[in-house]
Every structure is written in structure tokens, then in C-alpha cells.
PDB file of all heavy atoms in Angstrom:
ATOM      1  N   GLU A   1      78.643 109.775  92.926  1.00  0.00           N
ATOM      2  CA  GLU A   1      77.294 110.321  92.941  1.00  0.00           C
ATOM      3  C   GLU A   1      76.943 111.000  94.257  1.00  0.00           C
ATOM      4  O   GLU A   1      75.978 111.898  94.230  1.00  0.00           O
ATOM      5  CB  GLU A   1      76.335 109.291  92.670  1.00  0.00           C
ATOM      6  CG  GLU A   1      76.503 108.623  91.258  1.00  0.00           C
ATOM      7  CD  GLU A   1      75.450 107.568  91.014  1.00  0.00           C
ATOM      8  OE1 GLU A   1      74.330 107.750  91.415  1.00  0.00           O
ATOM      9  OE2 GLU A   1      75.696 106.555  90.309  1.00  0.00           O
ATOM     10  N   LYS A   2      77.617 110.530  95.357  1.00  0.00           N
ATOM     11  CA  LYS A   2      77.329 111.130  96.646  1.00  0.00           C
ATOM     12  C   LYS A   2      77.794 112.421  96.990  1.00  0.00           C
ATOM     13  O   LYS A   2      77.454 113.005  97.816  1.00  0.00           O
ATOM     14  CB  LYS A   2      77.697 110.067  97.648  1.00  0.00           C
ATOM     15  CG  LYS A   2      76.943 108.708  97.503  1.00  0.00           C
ATOM     16  CD  LYS A   2      77.540 107.756  98.689  1.00  0.00           C
ATOM     17  CE  LYS A   2      76.861 106.435  98.495  1.00  0.00           C
ATOM     18  NZ  LYS A   2      77.360 105.572  99.701  1.00  0.00           N
ATOM     19  N   ASN A   3      78.856 112.906  96.160  1.00  0.00           N
ATOM     20  CA  ASN A   3      79.550 114.128  96.378  1.00  0.00           C
ATOM     21  C   ASN A   3      79.695 114.887  95.073  1.00  0.00           C
ATOM     22  O   ASN A   3      80.794 115.351  94.714  1.00  0.00           O
ATOM     23  CB  ASN A   3      80.817 113.873  97.087  1.00  0.00           C
ATOM     24  CG  ASN A   3      81.427 115.171  97.740  1.00  0.00           C
ATOM     25  OD1 ASN A   3      80.712 116.144  97.892  1.00  0.00           O
ATOM     26  ND2 ASN A   3      82.646 115.053  98.128  1.00  0.00           N
ATOM     27  N   LEU A   4      78.731 114.988  94.265  1.00  0.00           N
ATOM     28  CA  LEU A   4      78.731 115.749  92.996  1.00  0.00           C
ATOM     29  C   LEU A   4      79.085 117.272  93.184  1.00  0.00           C
ATOM     30  O   LEU A   4      79.610 117.957  92.318  1.00  0.00           O
ATOM     31  CB  LEU A   4      77.540 115.482  92.179  1.00  0.00           C
ATOM     32  CG  LEU A   4      77.409 114.223  91.413  1.00  0.00           C
ATOM     33  CD1 LEU A   4      76.036 114.219  90.687  1.00  0.00           C
ATOM     34  CD2 LEU A   4      78.450 113.981  90.546  1.00  0.00           C
ATOM     35  N   TYR A   5      78.738 117.786  94.433  1.00  0.00           N
ATOM     36  CA  TYR A   5      79.044 119.147  94.677  1.00  0.00           C
ATOM     37  C   TYR A   5      80.528 119.507  94.588  1.00  0.00           C
ATOM     38  O   TYR A   5      80.929 120.501  93.946  1.00  0.00           O
ATOM     39  CB  TYR A   5      78.346 119.663  95.973  1.00  0.00           C
ATOM     40  CG  TYR A   5      78.440 121.205  96.189  1.00  0.00           C
ATOM     41  CD1 TYR A   5      77.458 121.936  95.902  1.00  0.00           C
ATOM     42  CD2 TYR A   5      79.640 121.680  96.674  1.00  0.00           C
ATOM     43  CE1 TYR A   5      77.504 123.285  96.160  1.00  0.00           C
ATOM     44  CE2 TYR A   5      79.729 122.970  97.050  1.00  0.00           C
ATOM     45  CZ  TYR A   5      78.686 123.856  96.602  1.00  0.00           C
ATOM     46  OH  TYR A   5      78.695 125.213  96.903  1.00  0.00           O
ATOM     47  N   ALA A   6      81.148 118.583  95.213  1.00  0.00           N
ATOM     48  CA  ALA A   6      82.723 118.742  95.313  1.00  0.00           C
ATOM     49  C   ALA A   6      83.271 118.676  93.872  1.00  0.00           C
ATOM     50  O   ALA A   6      84.169 119.417  93.535  1.00  0.00           O
ATOM     51  CB  ALA A   6      83.302 117.742  96.106  1.00  0.00           C
ATOM     52  N   TYR A   7      82.804 117.740  93.159  1.00  0.00           N
ATOM     53  CA  TYR A   7      83.275 117.603  91.762  1.00  0.00           C
ATOM     54  C   TYR A   7      82.875 118.773  90.715  1.00  0.00           C
ATOM     55  O   TYR A   7      83.801 119.275  90.032  1.00  0.00           O
ATOM     56  CB  TYR A   7      82.827 116.298  91.050  1.00  0.00           C
ATOM     57  CG  TYR A   7      83.308 116.008  89.676  1.00  0.00           C
ATOM     58  CD1 TYR A   7      84.611 115.397  89.590  1.00  0.00           C
ATOM     59  CD2 TYR A   7      82.697 116.240  88.585  1.00  0.00           C
ATOM     60  CE1 TYR A   7      85.217 115.110  88.317  1.00  0.00           C
ATOM     61  CE2 TYR A   7      83.127 116.062  87.310  1.00  0.00           C
ATOM     62  CZ  TYR A   7      84.346 115.445  87.142  1.00  0.00           C
ATOM     63  OH  TYR A   7      84.905 115.245  85.978  1.00  0.00           O
ATOM     64  N   LEU A   8      81.686 119.297  90.864  1.00  0.00           N
ATOM     65  CA  LEU A   8      81.165 120.303  90.092  1.00  0.00           C
ATOM     66  C   LEU A   8      81.601 121.813  90.457  1.00  0.00           C
ATOM     67  O   LEU A   8      81.971 122.589  89.767  1.00  0.00           O
ATOM     68  CB  LEU A   8      79.658 120.241  89.766  1.00  0.00           C
ATOM     69  CG  LEU A   8      79.213 118.940  89.112  1.00  0.00           C
ATOM     70  CD1 LEU A   8      77.689 118.903  89.116  1.00  0.00           C
ATOM     71  CD2 LEU A   8      79.701 119.006  87.670  1.00  0.00           C
ATOM     72  N   PHE A   9      81.477 121.954  91.772  1.00  0.00           N
ATOM     73  CA  PHE A   9      81.686 123.345  92.211  1.00  0.00           C
ATOM     74  C   PHE A   9      82.782 123.511  93.357  1.00  0.00           C
ATOM     75  O   PHE A   9      83.226 124.668  93.660  1.00  0.00           O
ATOM     76  CB  PHE A   9      80.270 123.752  93.024  1.00  0.00           C
ATOM     77  CG  PHE A   9      79.025 123.543  92.087  1.00  0.00           C
ATOM     78  CD1 PHE A   9      78.276 122.555  92.417  1.00  0.00           C
ATOM     79  CD2 PHE A   9      78.827 124.220  90.950  1.00  0.00           C
ATOM     80  CE1 PHE A   9      77.107 122.193  91.582  1.00  0.00           C
ATOM     81  CE2 PHE A   9      77.708 123.972  90.130  1.00  0.00           C
ATOM     82  CZ  PHE A   9      76.898 122.975  90.468  1.00  0.00           C
ATOM     83  N   GLY A  10      83.263 122.301  93.863  1.00  0.00           N
ATOM     84  CA  GLY A  10      84.220 122.424  94.954  1.00  0.00           C
ATOM     85  C   GLY A  10      85.688 122.884  94.607  1.00  0.00           C
ATOM     86  O   GLY A  10      86.212 123.707  95.112  1.00  0.00           O
ATOM     87  N   VAL A  11      86.124 122.256  93.525  1.00  0.00           N
ATOM     88  CA  VAL A  11      87.458 122.608  92.839  1.00  0.00           C
ATOM     89  C   VAL A  11      87.304 122.772  91.368  1.00  0.00           C
ATOM     90  O   VAL A  11      86.363 122.230  90.777  1.00  0.00           O
ATOM     91  CB  VAL A  11      88.467 121.466  93.232  1.00  0.00           C
ATOM     92  CG1 VAL A  11      88.757 121.324  94.640  1.00  0.00           C
ATOM     93  CG2 VAL A  11      87.926 120.160  92.754  1.00  0.00           C
ATOM     94  N   LYS A  12      88.254 123.463  90.820  1.00  0.00           N
ATOM     95  CA  LYS A  12      88.103 123.882  89.501  1.00  0.00           C
ATOM     96  C   LYS A  12      88.521 122.652  88.550  1.00  0.00           C
ATOM     97  O   LYS A  12      87.899 122.407  87.519  1.00  0.00           O
ATOM     98  CB  LYS A  12      89.159 124.964  89.161  1.00  0.00           C
ATOM     99  CG  LYS A  12      88.936 125.619  87.729  1.00  0.00           C
ATOM    100  CD  LYS A  12      89.839 126.785  87.580  1.00  0.00           C
ATOM    101  CE  LYS A  12      89.731 127.330  86.157  1.00  0.00           C
ATOM    102  NZ  LYS A  12      90.523 128.611  85.979  1.00  0.00           N
ATOM    103  N   GLN A  13      89.530 121.903  88.904  1.00  0.00           N
ATOM    104  CA  GLN A  13      90.034 120.724  88.113  1.00  0.00           C
ATOM    105  C   GLN A  13      90.047 119.541  88.996  1.00  0.00           C
ATOM    106  O   GLN A  13      91.238 119.283  89.691  1.00  0.00           O
ATOM    107  CB  GLN A  13      91.287 120.959  87.312  1.00  0.00           C
ATOM    108  CG  GLN A  13      91.233 122.034  86.298  1.00  0.00           C
ATOM    109  CD  GLN A  13      92.542 122.316  85.693  1.00  0.00           C
ATOM    110  OE1 GLN A  13      93.583 122.482  86.257  1.00  0.00           O
ATOM    111  NE2 GLN A  13      92.531 122.368  84.257  1.00  0.00           N
ATOM    112  N   PRO A  14      89.019 118.801  89.248  1.00  0.00           N
ATOM    113  CA  PRO A  14      89.096 117.772  90.315  1.00  0.00           C
ATOM    114  C   PRO A  14      90.170 116.707  90.022  1.00  0.00           C
ATOM    115  O   PRO A  14      90.870 116.253  90.888  1.00  0.00           O
ATOM    116  CB  PRO A  14      87.764 117.156  90.204  1.00  0.00           C
ATOM    117  CG  PRO A  14      86.817 118.328  89.660  1.00  0.00           C
ATOM    118  CD  PRO A  14      87.742 118.980  88.606  1.00  0.00           C
ATOM    119  N   ILE A  15      90.238 116.234  88.724  1.00  0.00           N
ATOM    120  CA  ILE A  15      91.199 115.188  88.383  1.00  0.00           C
ATOM    121  C   ILE A  15      92.661 115.670  88.620  1.00  0.00           C
ATOM    122  O   ILE A  15      93.470 114.796  89.075  1.00  0.00           O
ATOM    123  CB  ILE A  15      90.961 114.728  86.922  1.00  0.00           C
ATOM    124  CG1 ILE A  15      91.788 113.590  86.711  1.00  0.00           C
ATOM    125  CG2 ILE A  15      91.382 115.919  85.975  1.00  0.00           C
ATOM    126  CD1 ILE A  15      91.446 112.335  87.437  1.00  0.00           C
ATOM    127  N   VAL A  16      93.027 116.878  88.494  1.00  0.00           N
ATOM    128  CA  VAL A  16      94.294 117.414  88.765  1.00  0.00           C
ATOM    129  C   VAL A  16      94.684 117.198  90.335  1.00  0.00           C
ATOM    130  O   VAL A  16      95.629 116.748  90.654  1.00  0.00           O
ATOM    131  CB  VAL A  16      94.504 118.856  88.324  1.00  0.00           C
ATOM    132  CG1 VAL A  16      95.836 119.416  88.709  1.00  0.00           C
ATOM    133  CG2 VAL A  16      94.376 118.888  86.832  1.00  0.00           C
ATOM    134  N   HIS A  17      93.724 117.624  91.120  1.00  0.00           N
ATOM    135  CA  HIS A  17      93.838 117.572  92.542  1.00  0.00           C
ATOM    136  C   HIS A  17      93.882 116.029  92.986  1.00  0.00           C
ATOM    137  O   HIS A  17      94.618 115.745  93.924  1.00  0.00           O
ATOM    138  CB  HIS A  17      92.687 118.294  93.348  1.00  0.00           C
ATOM    139  CG  HIS A  17      92.673 119.781  93.079  1.00  0.00           C
ATOM    140  ND1 HIS A  17      93.312 120.539  93.991  1.00  0.00           N
ATOM    141  CD2 HIS A  17      92.132 120.528  92.261  1.00  0.00           C
ATOM    142  CE1 HIS A  17      93.185 121.829  93.751  1.00  0.00           C
ATOM    143  NE2 HIS A  17      92.422 121.800  92.639  1.00  0.00           N
ATOM    144  N   THR A  18      93.025 115.241  92.461  1.00  0.00           N
ATOM    145  CA  THR A  18      93.033 113.757  92.674  1.00  0.00           C
ATOM    146  C   THR A  18      94.390 113.182  92.327  1.00  0.00           C
ATOM    147  O   THR A  18      94.980 112.369  93.203  1.00  0.00           O
ATOM    148  CB  THR A  18      91.844 113.142  91.969  1.00  0.00           C
ATOM    149  OG1 THR A  18      90.745 113.765  92.347  1.00  0.00           O
ATOM    150  CG2 THR A  18      91.789 111.600  92.543  1.00  0.00           C
ATOM    151  N   MET A  19      94.915 113.432  91.240  1.00  0.00           N
ATOM    152  CA  MET A  19      96.158 112.817  90.886  1.00  0.00           C
ATOM    153  C   MET A  19      97.325 113.265  91.788  1.00  0.00           C
ATOM    154  O   MET A  19      98.189 112.449  92.252  1.00  0.00           O
ATOM    155  CB  MET A  19      96.462 113.249  89.362  1.00  0.00           C
ATOM    156  CG  MET A  19      95.592 112.461  88.372  1.00  0.00           C
ATOM    157  SD  MET A  19      95.783 110.654  88.562  1.00  0.00           S
ATOM    158  CE  MET A  19      97.452 110.422  88.094  1.00  0.00           C
ATOM    159  N   ALA A  20      97.240 114.602  92.160  1.00  0.00           N
ATOM    160  CA  ALA A  20      98.337 115.178  93.049  1.00  0.00           C
ATOM    161  C   ALA A  20      98.242 114.587  94.465  1.00  0.00           C
ATOM    162  O   ALA A  20      99.296 114.149  95.060  1.00  0.00           O
ATOM    163  CB  ALA A  20      98.192 116.674  93.177  1.00  0.00           C
ATOM    164  N   TYR A  21      96.909 114.322  94.844  1.00  0.00           N
ATOM    165  CA  TYR A  21      96.794 113.653  96.173  1.00  0.00           C
ATOM    166  C   TYR A  21      97.145 112.184  96.161  1.00  0.00           C
ATOM    167  O   TYR A  21      97.870 111.817  97.165  1.00  0.00           O
ATOM    168  CB  TYR A  21      95.080 113.716  96.506  1.00  0.00           C
ATOM    169  CG  TYR A  21      94.733 113.061  97.711  1.00  0.00           C
ATOM    170  CD1 TYR A  21      95.076 113.504  99.017  1.00  0.00           C
ATOM    171  CD2 TYR A  21      93.977 111.909  97.715  1.00  0.00           C
ATOM    172  CE1 TYR A  21      94.572 112.836 100.052  1.00  0.00           C
ATOM    173  CE2 TYR A  21      93.614 111.213  98.689  1.00  0.00           C
ATOM    174  CZ  TYR A  21      93.798 111.733  99.984  1.00  0.00           C
ATOM    175  OH  TYR A  21      93.484 111.128 101.137  1.00  0.00           O
ATOM    176  N   PHE A  22      96.991 111.446  95.192  1.00  0.00           N
ATOM    177  CA  PHE A  22      97.388 110.146  94.911  1.00  0.00           C
ATOM    178  C   PHE A  22      98.872 110.037  94.883  1.00  0.00           C
ATOM    179  O   PHE A  22      99.576 109.214  95.625  1.00  0.00           O
ATOM    180  CB  PHE A  22      96.858 109.452  93.659  1.00  0.00           C
ATOM    181  CG  PHE A  22      97.247 108.111  93.537  1.00  0.00           C
ATOM    182  CD1 PHE A  22      96.707 106.963  94.033  1.00  0.00           C
ATOM    183  CD2 PHE A  22      98.448 107.833  92.484  1.00  0.00           C
ATOM    184  CE1 PHE A  22      97.075 105.676  93.874  1.00  0.00           C
ATOM    185  CE2 PHE A  22      98.743 106.542  92.318  1.00  0.00           C
ATOM    186  CZ  PHE A  22      98.169 105.571  92.938  1.00  0.00           C
ATOM    187  N   VAL A  23      99.599 110.913  94.063  1.00  0.00           N
ATOM    188  CA  VAL A  23     101.073 110.827  93.896  1.00  0.00           C
ATOM    189  C   VAL A  23     101.712 111.188  95.239  1.00  0.00           C
ATOM    190  O   VAL A  23     102.727 110.605  95.633  1.00  0.00           O
ATOM    191  CB  VAL A  23     101.470 111.787  92.740  1.00  0.00           C
ATOM    192  CG1 VAL A  23     102.979 111.933  92.849  1.00  0.00           C
ATOM    193  CG2 VAL A  23     100.995 111.255  91.463  1.00  0.00           C
ATOM    194  N   SER A  24     101.140 112.154  95.982  1.00  0.00           N
ATOM    195  CA  SER A  24     101.786 112.464  97.355  1.00  0.00           C
ATOM    196  C   SER A  24     101.695 111.357  98.298  1.00  0.00           C
ATOM    197  O   SER A  24     102.687 111.101  99.038  1.00  0.00           O
ATOM    198  CB  SER A  24     101.017 113.790  97.847  1.00  0.00           C
ATOM    199  OG  SER A  24      99.735 113.519  98.097  1.00  0.00           O
ATOM    200  N   ILE A  25     100.611 110.693  98.360  1.00  0.00           N
ATOM    201  CA  ILE A  25     100.439 109.446  99.215  1.00  0.00           C
ATOM    202  C   ILE A  25     101.401 108.484  98.800  1.00  0.00           C
ATOM    203  O   ILE A  25     102.079 107.700  99.592  1.00  0.00           O
ATOM    204  CB  ILE A  25      99.005 108.934  99.240  1.00  0.00           C
ATOM    205  CG1 ILE A  25      98.091 109.961  99.848  1.00  0.00           C
ATOM    206  CG2 ILE A  25      98.915 107.575  99.993  1.00  0.00           C
ATOM    207  CD1 ILE A  25      96.693 109.607  99.776  1.00  0.00           C
ATOM    208  N   LEU A  26     101.590 108.103  97.415  1.00  0.00           N
ATOM    209  CA  LEU A  26     102.412 107.173  96.952  1.00  0.00           C
ATOM    210  C   LEU A  26     103.951 107.377  97.192  1.00  0.00           C
ATOM    211  O   LEU A  26     104.722 106.604  97.660  1.00  0.00           O
ATOM    212  CB  LEU A  26     102.236 106.873  95.540  1.00  0.00           C
ATOM    213  CG  LEU A  26     103.074 105.899  94.819  1.00  0.00           C
ATOM    214  CD1 LEU A  26     102.914 104.546  95.310  1.00  0.00           C
ATOM    215  CD2 LEU A  26     102.800 105.865  93.229  1.00  0.00           C
ATOM    216  N   ARG A  27     104.324 108.639  97.101  1.00  0.00           N
ATOM    217  CA  ARG A  27     105.590 108.958  97.366  1.00  0.00           C
ATOM    218  C   ARG A  27     105.981 108.967  98.777  1.00  0.00           C
ATOM    219  O   ARG A  27     107.065 108.561  99.224  1.00  0.00           O
ATOM    220  CB  ARG A  27     105.975 110.432  96.709  1.00  0.00           C
ATOM    221  CG  ARG A  27     106.194 110.357  95.143  1.00  0.00           C
ATOM    222  CD  ARG A  27     106.375 111.685  94.572  1.00  0.00           C
ATOM    223  NE  ARG A  27     106.777 111.717  93.238  1.00  0.00           N
ATOM    224  CZ  ARG A  27     106.615 112.707  92.389  1.00  0.00           C
ATOM    225  NH1 ARG A  27     106.381 113.900  92.790  1.00  0.00           N
ATOM    226  NH2 ARG A  27     107.020 112.552  91.173  1.00  0.00           N
ATOM    227  N   GLU A  28     105.073 109.343  99.621  1.00  0.00           N
ATOM    228  CA  GLU A  28     105.336 109.314 101.065  1.00  0.00           C
ATOM    229  C   GLU A  28     105.465 107.799 101.501  1.00  0.00           C
ATOM    230  O   GLU A  28     106.350 107.501 102.302  1.00  0.00           O
ATOM    231  CB  GLU A  28     104.172 109.926 101.733  1.00  0.00           C
ATOM    232  CG  GLU A  28     104.333 110.132 103.266  1.00  0.00           C
ATOM    233  CD  GLU A  28     103.909 108.983 104.081  1.00  0.00           C
ATOM    234  OE1 GLU A  28     103.091 108.162 103.589  1.00  0.00           O
ATOM    235  OE2 GLU A  28     104.463 108.665 105.188  1.00  0.00           O
ATOM    236  N   ARG A  29     104.636 106.895 100.892  1.00  0.00           N
ATOM    237  CA  ARG A  29     104.774 105.558 101.334  1.00  0.00           C
ATOM    238  C   ARG A  29     106.109 104.972 100.870  1.00  0.00           C
ATOM    239  O   ARG A  29     106.687 104.095 101.527  1.00  0.00           O
ATOM    240  CB  ARG A  29     103.614 104.822 100.635  1.00  0.00           C
ATOM    241  CG  ARG A  29     103.591 103.171 100.988  1.00  0.00           C
ATOM    242  CD  ARG A  29     103.423 103.013 102.492  1.00  0.00           C
ATOM    243  NE  ARG A  29     103.195 101.646 102.780  1.00  0.00           N
ATOM    244  CZ  ARG A  29     103.244 101.186 104.001  1.00  0.00           C
ATOM    245  NH1 ARG A  29     103.455 101.968 104.958  1.00  0.00           N
ATOM    246  NH2 ARG A  29     103.040  99.724 104.273  1.00  0.00           N
ATOM    247  N   ILE A  30     106.430 105.270  99.507  1.00  0.00           N
ATOM    248  CA  ILE A  30     107.724 104.754  98.995  1.00  0.00           C
ATOM    249  C   ILE A  30     108.900 105.213  99.924  1.00  0.00           C
ATOM    250  O   ILE A  30     109.939 104.466 100.172  1.00  0.00           O
ATOM    251  CB  ILE A  30     107.998 105.123  97.545  1.00  0.00           C
ATOM    252  CG1 ILE A  30     106.963 104.567  96.667  1.00  0.00           C
ATOM    253  CG2 ILE A  30     109.256 104.878  97.124  1.00  0.00           C
ATOM    254  CD1 ILE A  30     106.903 103.134  96.570  1.00  0.00           C
ATOM    255  N   ALA A  31     108.812 106.415 100.307  1.00  0.00           N
ATOM    256  CA  ALA A  31     109.946 107.033 101.162  1.00  0.00           C
ATOM    257  C   ALA A  31     110.186 106.468 102.473  1.00  0.00           C
ATOM    258  O   ALA A  31     111.233 106.372 103.130  1.00  0.00           O
ATOM    259  CB  ALA A  31     109.890 108.613 101.183  1.00  0.00           C
ATOM    260  N   ASN A  32     109.000 105.843 103.139  1.00  0.00           N
ATOM    261  CA  ASN A  32     108.994 105.333 104.418  1.00  0.00           C
ATOM    262  C   ASN A  32     108.649 103.835 104.580  1.00  0.00           C
ATOM    263  O   ASN A  32     108.459 103.346 105.565  1.00  0.00           O
ATOM    264  CB  ASN A  32     108.037 106.083 105.247  1.00  0.00           C
ATOM    265  CG  ASN A  32     108.380 107.512 105.432  1.00  0.00           C
ATOM    266  OD1 ASN A  32     109.221 107.940 106.088  1.00  0.00           O
ATOM    267  ND2 ASN A  32     107.561 108.491 104.648  1.00  0.00           N
ATOM    268  N   PHE A  33     108.772 103.220 103.323  1.00  0.00           N
ATOM    269  CA  PHE A  33     108.329 101.814 103.271  1.00  0.00           C
ATOM    270  C   PHE A  33     109.383 100.929 103.999  1.00  0.00           C
ATOM    271  O   PHE A  33     110.536 100.962 103.763  1.00  0.00           O
ATOM    272  CB  PHE A  33     108.074 101.475 101.889  1.00  0.00           C
ATOM    273  CG  PHE A  33     107.546  99.817 101.772  1.00  0.00           C
ATOM    274  CD1 PHE A  33     106.246  99.718 101.895  1.00  0.00           C
ATOM    275  CD2 PHE A  33     108.396  98.789 101.551  1.00  0.00           C
ATOM    276  CE1 PHE A  33     105.736  98.521 101.801  1.00  0.00           C
ATOM    277  CE2 PHE A  33     107.834  97.555 101.515  1.00  0.00           C
ATOM    278  CZ  PHE A  33     106.458  97.483 101.672  1.00  0.00           C
ATOM    279  N   GLU A  34     108.863 100.014 104.757  1.00  0.00           N
ATOM    280  CA  GLU A  34     109.739  98.897 105.409  1.00  0.00           C
ATOM    281  C   GLU A  34     108.886  97.704 105.271  1.00  0.00           C
ATOM    282  O   GLU A  34     107.722  97.655 105.363  1.00  0.00           O
ATOM    283  CB  GLU A  34     109.906  99.298 106.916  1.00  0.00           C
ATOM    284  CG  GLU A  34     110.824 100.460 107.180  1.00  0.00           C
ATOM    285  CD  GLU A  34     111.190 100.575 108.472  1.00  0.00           C
ATOM    286  OE1 GLU A  34     110.755  99.907 109.330  1.00  0.00           O
ATOM    287  OE2 GLU A  34     111.877 101.659 108.897  1.00  0.00           O
TER     288      GLU A  34
END
């Protein structure tokens, strides 16, 4: 609710960007996990 501008007008498909953002963080963590 605090950032509805980004969801409605910032990006065209917010869920696509969010999933890509999450997957990139996860793969980076897996690749360097100790």
C-alpha cells in the first residue's frame, strides 16, 4: 500500500520483475553458499 505507484505505473508487469529478482538472489546465494 505504501508504494502503489511502482506497482501501477512503475513497471509493466510487476510480478514478472519480482520473480526474476527473487530467482536471481536465490541462485546467487546457492552458487556461493558455505
